[in-house]
Protein backbone atom coordinates (compact mmCIF):
# COMPACT_ATOMS: atom_id res chain seq x y z
CA UNK A 1 80.33 28.33 -143.36
CA UNK A 2 77.43 25.86 -143.70
CA UNK A 3 77.10 22.91 -141.38
CA UNK A 4 76.94 19.34 -142.82
CA UNK A 5 73.18 19.10 -142.11
CA UNK A 6 72.49 22.25 -144.12
CA UNK A 7 74.72 21.13 -147.02
CA UNK A 8 72.91 17.76 -147.42
CA UNK A 9 69.42 19.31 -147.36
CA UNK A 10 69.58 20.62 -150.93
CA UNK A 11 70.72 17.20 -152.24
CA UNK A 12 67.80 15.22 -150.76
CA UNK A 13 65.46 18.02 -151.78
CA UNK A 14 66.71 17.81 -155.39
CA UNK A 15 66.27 14.03 -155.39
CA UNK A 16 62.75 14.36 -153.99
CA UNK A 17 61.78 16.94 -156.64
CA UNK A 18 63.18 14.76 -159.45
CA UNK A 19 61.34 11.65 -158.19
CA UNK A 20 58.06 13.54 -157.85
CA UNK A 21 58.47 14.97 -161.35
CA UNK A 22 59.03 11.47 -162.75
CA UNK A 23 55.90 10.22 -160.95
CA UNK A 24 53.85 13.03 -162.49
CA UNK A 25 55.17 12.22 -165.98
CA UNK A 26 54.49 8.48 -165.45
CA UNK A 27 50.95 9.30 -164.30
CA UNK A 28 50.25 11.32 -167.43
CA UNK A 29 51.60 8.48 -169.60
CA UNK A 30 49.32 5.96 -167.87
CA UNK A 31 46.28 8.24 -168.24
CA UNK A 32 47.03 8.89 -171.93
CA UNK A 33 47.46 5.16 -172.60
CA UNK A 34 44.15 4.35 -170.88
CA UNK A 35 42.30 7.05 -172.83
CA UNK A 36 43.76 5.72 -176.10
CA UNK A 37 42.78 2.14 -175.17
CA UNK A 38 39.21 3.16 -174.33
CA UNK A 39 38.87 5.18 -177.53
CA UNK A 40 40.00 2.25 -179.65
CA UNK A 41 37.51 -0.15 -178.00
CA UNK A 42 34.59 2.05 -176.85
CA UNK A 43 32.21 -0.76 -175.87
CA UNK A 44 34.66 -2.99 -174.05
CA UNK A 45 34.07 -1.43 -170.63
CA UNK A 46 30.29 -1.26 -170.96
CA UNK A 47 28.57 -3.75 -168.62
CA UNK A 48 26.08 -6.25 -170.04
CA UNK A 49 22.48 -5.06 -170.39
CA UNK A 50 20.08 -5.44 -167.45
CA UNK A 51 22.98 -5.92 -165.05
CA UNK A 52 23.38 -9.57 -166.06
CA UNK A 53 26.67 -10.98 -164.86
CA UNK A 54 26.17 -14.58 -165.91
CA UNK A 55 25.27 -16.08 -169.28
CA UNK A 56 22.04 -15.39 -171.10
CA UNK A 57 19.50 -17.35 -173.07
CA UNK A 58 17.85 -15.72 -176.06
CA UNK A 59 15.67 -17.19 -178.81
CA UNK A 60 15.64 -15.57 -182.23
CA UNK A 61 12.77 -16.77 -184.39
CA UNK A 62 13.78 -17.80 -187.92
CA UNK A 63 11.35 -18.26 -190.80
CA UNK A 64 9.99 -21.78 -191.31
CA UNK A 65 12.54 -23.96 -193.13
CA UNK A 66 15.42 -21.53 -192.58
CA UNK A 67 18.89 -22.71 -191.68
CA UNK A 68 21.93 -20.96 -190.26
CA UNK A 69 24.77 -21.05 -192.81
CA UNK A 70 27.49 -19.22 -190.90
CA UNK A 71 28.25 -16.85 -188.04
CA UNK A 72 30.94 -14.17 -188.09
CA UNK A 73 32.12 -11.75 -185.43
CA UNK A 74 32.32 -8.23 -186.87
CA UNK A 75 33.57 -5.62 -184.42
CA UNK A 76 31.39 -5.98 -181.34
CA UNK A 77 28.53 -7.65 -183.25
CA UNK A 78 27.71 -11.16 -184.42
CA UNK A 79 26.44 -11.57 -187.98
CA UNK A 80 24.43 -14.74 -188.61
CA UNK A 81 23.94 -15.73 -192.27
CA UNK A 82 20.55 -17.45 -192.72
CA UNK A 83 19.15 -19.09 -195.86
CA UNK A 84 15.48 -19.91 -196.35
CA UNK A 85 13.92 -22.46 -198.68
CA UNK A 86 12.98 -20.56 -201.84
CA UNK A 87 13.17 -17.19 -200.10
CA UNK A 88 15.81 -14.54 -199.69
CA UNK A 89 19.04 -15.02 -197.78
CA UNK A 90 19.32 -12.86 -194.68
CA UNK A 91 21.90 -11.57 -192.27
CA UNK A 92 20.85 -11.27 -188.63
CA UNK A 93 22.87 -8.75 -186.60
CA UNK A 94 23.11 -9.84 -182.95
CA UNK A 95 24.66 -8.23 -179.88
CA UNK A 96 26.75 -11.06 -178.37
CA UNK A 97 26.78 -9.48 -174.91
CA UNK A 98 23.05 -9.98 -174.35
CA UNK A 99 21.74 -11.89 -177.39
CA UNK A 100 19.54 -9.03 -178.59
CA UNK A 101 18.59 -9.02 -182.27
CA UNK A 102 19.70 -5.60 -183.54
CA UNK A 103 18.43 -5.94 -187.09
CA UNK A 104 18.18 -8.03 -190.24
CA UNK A 105 19.35 -7.51 -193.80
CA UNK A 106 17.63 -9.43 -196.61
CA UNK A 107 19.29 -10.39 -199.89
CA UNK A 108 16.51 -11.15 -202.40
CA UNK A 109 17.54 -13.40 -205.30
CA UNK A 110 17.81 -11.96 -208.78
CA UNK A 111 18.07 -8.29 -207.78
CA UNK A 112 20.95 -6.47 -209.44
CA UNK A 113 22.25 -2.94 -209.18
């Protein structure tokens, strides 16, 4: 016949195995959720360029007589709509993390497809 100490050993062992199994499952859920979050926002964890931790100051030269009409956030970019006097309208694509000008798109008047 088994003593009381031997009879209780399988019970605490079963509880320990169940708890450890639940911790493993919870760990996989956390890892899967973090991977999904990083895939949906790939640039969110990227540090600012040049190791800057504070704000930045950037000057983007506009043509003479140009004025900023609007600014819109699109994904992880800032699109600045610029109109010039008598010239084409333009869109300036800016990286808001460091103020870098990524490119421009011109919209000449009177051009149709």
